[in-house]
N, C-alpha and C. Protein backbone atom coordinates (compact mmCIF):
# COMPACT_ATOMS: atom_id res chain seq x y z
N MET A 1 44.30 -15.72 -44.45
CA MET A 1 43.67 -16.46 -45.05
C MET A 1 42.23 -15.54 -46.08
N GLN A 2 42.09 -16.11 -47.11
CA GLN A 2 41.63 -14.92 -47.85
C GLN A 2 39.90 -16.28 -48.40
N VAL A 3 38.67 -15.42 -48.17
CA VAL A 3 38.52 -16.58 -48.81
C VAL A 3 37.75 -15.37 -49.94
N ASP A 4 37.72 -15.36 -50.82
CA ASP A 4 37.32 -14.96 -52.46
C ASP A 4 35.65 -16.14 -53.24
N MET A 5 34.77 -15.19 -52.32
CA MET A 5 33.48 -15.66 -53.32
C MET A 5 32.94 -14.46 -54.88
N SER A 6 33.93 -15.22 -55.54
CA SER A 6 33.55 -14.90 -56.82
C SER A 6 32.62 -15.38 -57.03
N PRO A 7 31.89 -14.60 -58.54
CA PRO A 7 32.25 -13.13 -59.39
C PRO A 7 31.79 -12.35 -58.55
N ARG A 8 33.20 -11.16 -59.42
CA ARG A 8 33.23 -10.28 -58.59
C ARG A 8 32.49 -9.12 -58.59
N VAL A 9 31.45 -9.75 -58.98
CA VAL A 9 29.81 -9.05 -58.91
C VAL A 9 29.74 -9.31 -58.36
N GLY A 10 29.67 -9.28 -56.55
CA GLY A 10 29.42 -10.23 -56.16
C GLY A 10 30.52 -9.57 -54.72
N MET A 11 30.39 -10.34 -53.10
CA MET A 11 31.53 -9.90 -52.62
C MET A 11 32.54 -10.29 -51.60
N GLN A 12 33.63 -10.02 -50.74
CA GLN A 12 35.30 -10.42 -50.72
C GLN A 12 34.91 -10.03 -49.35
N VAL A 13 35.01 -11.67 -48.41
CA VAL A 13 35.27 -12.25 -47.06
C VAL A 13 36.84 -11.53 -47.21
N ASP A 14 37.54 -10.79 -46.21
CA ASP A 14 39.42 -11.31 -46.08
C ASP A 14 39.66 -11.07 -44.71
N MET A 15 39.89 -11.77 -43.93
CA MET A 15 39.96 -12.41 -42.60
C MET A 15 41.68 -12.62 -42.58
N SER A 16 42.00 -12.04 -43.60
CA SER A 16 43.59 -12.27 -42.62
C SER A 16 43.96 -11.41 -41.53
N PRO A 17 44.87 -11.09 -40.59
CA PRO A 17 45.20 -10.60 -39.79
C PRO A 17 46.16 -10.03 -40.72
N ARG A 18 45.72 -8.88 -40.60
CA ARG A 18 47.32 -7.37 -41.64
C ARG A 18 47.36 -6.41 -40.73
N VAL A 19 49.44 -7.45 -40.43
CA VAL A 19 50.25 -6.59 -40.53
C VAL A 19 50.62 -5.21 -40.20
N GLY A 20 50.50 -4.98 -40.50
CA GLY A 20 51.14 -3.90 -42.30
C GLY A 20 50.10 -2.81 -42.24
N MET A 21 50.14 -3.04 -43.66
CA MET A 21 49.80 -1.05 -44.07
C MET A 21 48.22 -1.60 -45.30
N GLN A 22 47.12 -0.83 -45.96
CA GLN A 22 46.68 -1.01 -46.86
C GLN A 22 46.57 0.01 -47.79
N VAL A 23 47.52 -0.01 -48.85
CA VAL A 23 47.04 1.79 -49.26
C VAL A 23 45.28 0.86 -50.90
N ASP A 24 44.72 1.61 -50.67
CA ASP A 24 44.01 1.07 -51.47
C ASP A 24 43.64 2.45 -52.06
N MET A 25 43.86 2.41 -53.35
CA MET A 25 43.43 3.91 -54.61
C MET A 25 42.42 3.82 -55.43
N SER A 26 41.24 2.86 -54.38
CA SER A 26 40.34 1.94 -55.90
C SER A 26 39.85 3.02 -55.94
N PRO A 27 38.41 4.25 -57.18
CA PRO A 27 37.51 3.78 -56.84
C PRO A 27 36.36 1.92 -57.05
N ARG A 28 36.16 2.18 -56.53
CA ARG A 28 35.57 0.90 -56.49
C ARG A 28 34.91 -0.02 -57.34
N VAL A 29 35.03 1.10 -58.21
CA VAL A 29 34.27 0.50 -60.12
C VAL A 29 35.95 0.54 -60.49
N GLY A 30 36.62 -0.14 -60.27
CA GLY A 30 38.76 -0.19 -60.87
C GLY A 30 38.85 -0.38 -60.21
N MET A 31 40.65 -0.33 -59.63
CA MET A 31 41.45 -1.40 -59.15
C MET A 31 41.87 -0.25 -57.45
N GLN A 32 42.28 -2.30 -57.12
CA GLN A 32 42.36 -2.06 -55.53
C GLN A 32 44.25 -2.75 -55.85
N VAL A 33 45.35 -1.85 -55.26
CA VAL A 33 46.49 -2.30 -54.81
C VAL A 33 46.56 -1.88 -53.01
N ASP A 34 46.41 -2.95 -52.67
CA ASP A 34 47.11 -4.12 -52.12
C ASP A 34 48.31 -4.27 -51.49
N MET A 35 49.66 -3.33 -50.29
CA MET A 35 50.23 -3.25 -50.21
C MET A 35 50.83 -3.46 -49.09
N SER A 36 50.29 -4.64 -47.98
CA SER A 36 50.53 -4.61 -47.09
C SER A 36 50.74 -6.19 -47.46
N PRO A 37 52.19 -6.35 -46.50
CA PRO A 37 52.90 -7.46 -46.05
C PRO A 37 52.18 -8.93 -46.01
N ARG A 38 51.54 -9.09 -46.06
CA ARG A 38 50.24 -10.71 -45.92
C ARG A 38 51.33 -12.29 -46.56
N VAL A 39 51.59 -12.51 -46.82
CA VAL A 39 52.05 -13.27 -48.30
C VAL A 39 52.95 -13.01 -48.62
N GLY A 40 53.70 -11.78 -49.10
CA GLY A 40 53.95 -11.22 -50.18
C GLY A 40 53.14 -9.91 -50.44
N MET A 41 53.39 -9.79 -51.81
CA MET A 41 51.93 -8.69 -52.40
C MET A 41 51.14 -8.52 -52.84
N GLN A 42 49.58 -8.62 -53.17
CA GLN A 42 48.74 -8.34 -53.52
C GLN A 42 48.08 -7.50 -54.79
N VAL A 43 48.09 -7.35 -55.94
CA VAL A 43 47.64 -6.37 -56.62
C VAL A 43 46.47 -6.73 -57.14
N ASP A 44 45.75 -6.38 -57.64
CA ASP A 44 43.70 -6.87 -57.22
C ASP A 44 43.52 -6.49 -59.20
N MET A 45 43.96 -5.91 -59.85
CA MET A 45 42.76 -5.29 -60.14
C MET A 45 41.52 -5.62 -61.70
N SER A 46 41.01 -6.06 -61.31
CA SER A 46 39.80 -6.96 -61.04
C SER A 46 38.22 -5.59 -61.17
N PRO A 47 37.60 -5.73 -61.51
CA PRO A 47 36.39 -4.93 -61.57
C PRO A 47 35.60 -4.71 -59.61
N ARG A 48 35.22 -4.28 -59.26
CA ARG A 48 34.94 -4.45 -58.48
C ARG A 48 33.44 -3.35 -58.21
N VAL A 49 32.24 -4.71 -58.76
CA VAL A 49 31.46 -3.17 -58.93
C VAL A 49 30.19 -4.08 -57.45
N LYS A 50 30.22 -4.37 -56.13
CA LYS A 50 30.28 -5.36 -55.24
C LYS A 50 31.25 -4.63 -54.12
N MET A 51 30.75 -5.60 -52.53
CA MET A 51 31.32 -4.86 -51.74
C MET A 51 32.26 -5.96 -50.23
N GLN A 52 32.72 -5.63 -49.79
CA GLN A 52 33.70 -5.65 -48.74
C GLN A 52 33.25 -5.61 -47.68
N VAL A 53 33.70 -6.67 -47.75
CA VAL A 53 33.26 -6.95 -45.04
C VAL A 53 34.97 -7.16 -45.43
N ASP A 54 35.65 -6.48 -43.92
CA ASP A 54 36.38 -6.25 -43.90
C ASP A 54 36.46 -6.59 -41.90
N MET A 55 37.28 -8.34 -41.63
CA MET A 55 37.58 -8.41 -40.16
C MET A 55 38.34 -8.41 -40.39
N SER A 56 39.56 -7.76 -41.03
CA SER A 56 40.85 -8.23 -40.09
C SER A 56 41.19 -6.85 -38.79
N PRO A 57 41.83 -7.83 -38.16
CA PRO A 57 41.89 -6.94 -36.48
C PRO A 57 43.77 -6.03 -36.97
N ARG A 58 42.91 -5.05 -37.18
CA ARG A 58 44.41 -4.05 -37.65
C ARG A 58 44.83 -3.02 -36.43
N ALA A 59 42.91 -2.31 -35.48
CA ALA A 59 43.39 -1.69 -34.57
C ALA A 59 42.01 -2.28 -33.79
N GLY A 60 41.43 -3.14 -34.16
CA GLY A 60 39.94 -3.58 -33.35
C GLY A 60 39.69 -3.74 -34.86
N MET A 61 38.52 -3.57 -35.28
CA MET A 61 37.33 -4.08 -36.32
C MET A 61 37.22 -3.56 -36.86
N GLU A 62 37.32 -3.78 -38.44
CA GLU A 62 36.64 -2.27 -39.27
C GLU A 62 35.53 -3.97 -39.85
N VAL A 63 34.22 -3.23 -40.47
CA VAL A 63 33.71 -4.00 -41.20
C VAL A 63 33.03 -2.42 -42.01
N ASP A 64 33.58 -3.33 -43.60
CA ASP A 64 32.94 -1.60 -44.32
C ASP A 64 32.08 -1.95 -45.38
N MET A 65 31.11 -1.77 -44.73
CA MET A 65 29.89 -1.93 -46.00
C MET A 65 29.58 -1.36 -46.84
N SER A 66 30.02 -0.32 -47.31
CA SER A 66 30.08 0.87 -47.71
C SER A 66 30.66 0.43 -49.13
N PRO A 67 29.21 0.95 -50.54
CA PRO A 67 30.18 0.44 -51.28
C PRO A 67 30.70 1.81 -52.33
N ARG A 68 31.67 1.51 -52.45
CA ARG A 68 32.42 2.59 -52.62
C ARG A 68 33.03 3.08 -53.75
N VAL A 69 31.89 4.10 -54.95
CA VAL A 69 32.54 4.65 -55.56
C VAL A 69 33.32 5.63 -55.17
N ARG A 70 34.36 5.71 -55.00
CA ARG A 70 35.12 7.44 -54.74
C ARG A 70 36.76 6.68 -54.16
N MET A 71 37.83 7.70 -53.62
CA MET A 71 38.57 7.98 -53.97
C MET A 71 39.20 7.66 -52.58
């Protein structure tokens, strides 16, 4: 399940079980390429000046609240 609370200058809560890998190549003011096999592939090219809370069971729970303007 993905709950996306637009506008993009906001926050995204992604509660999907990620049985796969995430390749995040985005400086957060840029583009995110998410190649995890959820039901296919998500390519999100929206400018994200926001914060992402990731509660997916990958290797436990990861909550990432850092504003990412980096690689």
